[in-house]
């Protein structure tokens, strides 16, 4: 099982977060300000240099207007053996 920031599921989650940020017209600095974090925090997680913990993820999803659970389910269902895979 893949782990860490190299896991394809984590990469997919980052893509969703980046696209959501850009889709609502926020810069990394805008998101950082809303999170009360430095801009480098957003840059590092978007580049995969820093792994998000679950609480940080929940806060970021809220800032971006994402449903955190639905987003995670989308990522989980897209992988082989995920909820959407009918193979044994």
C-alpha atoms as a PDB file:
ATOM      1  CA  UNK A   1       0.000   0.000   0.000  1.00  0.00           C
ATOM      2  CA  UNK A   2       1.357   3.422  -0.975  1.00  0.00           C
ATOM      3  CA  UNK A   3       1.961   5.934   1.763  1.00  0.00           C
ATOM      4  CA  UNK A   4       2.600   9.592   2.154  1.00  0.00           C
ATOM      5  CA  UNK A   5       2.691  12.347  -0.363  1.00  0.00           C
ATOM      6  CA  UNK A   6       3.627   9.969  -3.174  1.00  0.00           C
ATOM      7  CA  UNK A   7       0.331   8.063  -2.868  1.00  0.00           C
ATOM      8  CA  UNK A   8      -1.759   8.635  -5.989  1.00  0.00           C
ATOM      9  CA  UNK A   9      -4.839   9.287  -3.845  1.00  0.00           C
ATOM     10  CA  UNK A  10      -3.057  12.081  -2.003  1.00  0.00           C
ATOM     11  CA  UNK A  11      -1.932  13.573  -5.305  1.00  0.00           C
ATOM     12  CA  UNK A  12      -5.520  13.452  -6.547  1.00  0.00           C
ATOM     13  CA  UNK A  13      -6.689  15.230  -3.397  1.00  0.00           C
ATOM     14  CA  UNK A  14      -4.133  17.978  -3.979  1.00  0.00           C
ATOM     15  CA  UNK A  15      -5.344  18.436  -7.550  1.00  0.00           C
ATOM     16  CA  UNK A  16      -8.907  18.825  -6.265  1.00  0.00           C
ATOM     17  CA  UNK A  17      -7.811  21.418  -3.691  1.00  0.00           C
ATOM     18  CA  UNK A  18      -5.768  23.390  -6.222  1.00  0.00           C
ATOM     19  CA  UNK A  19      -8.548  23.355  -8.834  1.00  0.00           C
ATOM     20  CA  UNK A  20     -11.098  24.421  -6.221  1.00  0.00           C
ATOM     21  CA  UNK A  21      -8.884  27.328  -5.113  1.00  0.00           C
ATOM     22  CA  UNK A  22      -8.333  28.501  -8.652  1.00  0.00           C
ATOM     23  CA  UNK A  23     -11.981  27.924  -9.540  1.00  0.00           C
ATOM     24  CA  UNK A  24     -13.146  30.419  -6.936  1.00  0.00           C
ATOM     25  CA  UNK A  25     -10.447  32.905  -7.868  1.00  0.00           C
ATOM     26  CA  UNK A  26      -8.361  32.740  -4.704  1.00  0.00           C
ATOM     27  CA  UNK A  27      -4.603  33.038  -4.634  1.00  0.00           C
ATOM     28  CA  UNK A  28      -2.445  30.996  -2.302  1.00  0.00           C
ATOM     29  CA  UNK A  29      -2.044  34.144  -0.220  1.00  0.00           C
ATOM     30  CA  UNK A  30      -5.841  34.561   0.008  1.00  0.00           C
ATOM     31  CA  UNK A  31      -6.275  31.009   1.292  1.00  0.00           C
ATOM     32  CA  UNK A  32      -3.403  31.440   3.731  1.00  0.00           C
ATOM     33  CA  UNK A  33      -4.931  34.618   5.114  1.00  0.00           C
ATOM     34  CA  UNK A  34      -8.284  32.885   5.661  1.00  0.00           C
ATOM     35  CA  UNK A  35      -6.462  30.056   7.463  1.00  0.00           C
ATOM     36  CA  UNK A  36      -4.307  32.469   9.477  1.00  0.00           C
ATOM     37  CA  UNK A  37      -1.205  30.780   8.052  1.00  0.00           C
ATOM     38  CA  UNK A  38       1.727  32.041   5.970  1.00  0.00           C
ATOM     39  CA  UNK A  39       1.448  31.767   2.187  1.00  0.00           C
ATOM     40  CA  UNK A  40       4.258  29.194   2.221  1.00  0.00           C
ATOM     41  CA  UNK A  41       1.934  26.791   4.071  1.00  0.00           C
ATOM     42  CA  UNK A  42      -0.386  26.688   1.065  1.00  0.00           C
ATOM     43  CA  UNK A  43       2.484  26.531  -1.417  1.00  0.00           C
ATOM     44  CA  UNK A  44       4.111  23.608   0.381  1.00  0.00           C
ATOM     45  CA  UNK A  45       1.017  21.453   0.609  1.00  0.00           C
ATOM     46  CA  UNK A  46       0.049  22.224  -2.996  1.00  0.00           C
ATOM     47  CA  UNK A  47       3.523  21.200  -4.172  1.00  0.00           C
ATOM     48  CA  UNK A  48       3.386  18.036  -2.085  1.00  0.00           C
ATOM     49  CA  UNK A  49       6.266  19.191   0.087  1.00  0.00           C
ATOM     50  CA  UNK A  50       4.096  19.074   3.186  1.00  0.00           C
ATOM     51  CA  UNK A  51       1.424  16.562   4.130  1.00  0.00           C
ATOM     52  CA  UNK A  52      -1.860  17.838   5.518  1.00  0.00           C
ATOM     53  CA  UNK A  53      -3.326  16.444   8.693  1.00  0.00           C
ATOM     54  CA  UNK A  54      -7.059  15.830   8.889  1.00  0.00           C
ATOM     55  CA  UNK A  55      -7.868  19.024  10.809  1.00  0.00           C
ATOM     56  CA  UNK A  56      -5.906  21.149   8.352  1.00  0.00           C
ATOM     57  CA  UNK A  57      -7.717  19.415   5.495  1.00  0.00           C
ATOM     58  CA  UNK A  58     -11.109  20.176   7.063  1.00  0.00           C
ATOM     59  CA  UNK A  59     -10.181  23.849   7.468  1.00  0.00           C
ATOM     60  CA  UNK A  60      -8.914  24.129   3.888  1.00  0.00           C
ATOM     61  CA  UNK A  61     -11.989  22.405   2.475  1.00  0.00           C
ATOM     62  CA  UNK A  62     -14.207  24.863   4.369  1.00  0.00           C
ATOM     63  CA  UNK A  63     -12.278  27.869   3.018  1.00  0.00           C
ATOM     64  CA  UNK A  64     -12.580  26.480  -0.512  1.00  0.00           C
ATOM     65  CA  UNK A  65     -16.294  25.718  -0.154  1.00  0.00           C
ATOM     66  CA  UNK A  66     -15.776  21.980  -0.558  1.00  0.00           C
ATOM     67  CA  UNK A  67     -17.701  19.280   1.243  1.00  0.00           C
ATOM     68  CA  UNK A  68     -14.781  17.544   2.960  1.00  0.00           C
ATOM     69  CA  UNK A  69     -16.453  14.127   3.208  1.00  0.00           C
ATOM     70  CA  UNK A  70     -17.709  14.080  -0.378  1.00  0.00           C
ATOM     71  CA  UNK A  71     -14.253  15.053  -1.613  1.00  0.00           C
ATOM     72  CA  UNK A  72     -12.615  12.222   0.334  1.00  0.00           C
ATOM     73  CA  UNK A  73     -15.181   9.735  -0.930  1.00  0.00           C
ATOM     74  CA  UNK A  74     -14.473  10.834  -4.503  1.00  0.00           C
ATOM     75  CA  UNK A  75     -10.763  10.167  -3.977  1.00  0.00           C
ATOM     76  CA  UNK A  76     -11.419   6.818  -2.260  1.00  0.00           C
ATOM     77  CA  UNK A  77     -13.797   5.609  -4.980  1.00  0.00           C
ATOM     78  CA  UNK A  78     -11.361   6.384  -7.775  1.00  0.00           C
ATOM     79  CA  UNK A  79      -8.719   3.882  -6.707  1.00  0.00           C
ATOM     80  CA  UNK A  80      -8.671   0.144  -7.467  1.00  0.00           C
ATOM     81  CA  UNK A  81     -10.386  -1.629  -4.614  1.00  0.00           C
ATOM     82  CA  UNK A  82     -12.167   1.580  -3.621  1.00  0.00           C
ATOM     83  CA  UNK A  83     -15.865   1.725  -2.880  1.00  0.00           C
ATOM     84  CA  UNK A  84     -16.700   2.219  -6.549  1.00  0.00           C
ATOM     85  CA  UNK A  85     -14.785  -0.843  -7.725  1.00  0.00           C
ATOM     86  CA  UNK A  86     -16.911  -3.952  -8.127  1.00  0.00           C
ATOM     87  CA  UNK A  87     -13.945  -6.317  -8.351  1.00  0.00           C
ATOM     88  CA  UNK A  88     -13.396  -8.610  -5.339  1.00  0.00           C
END
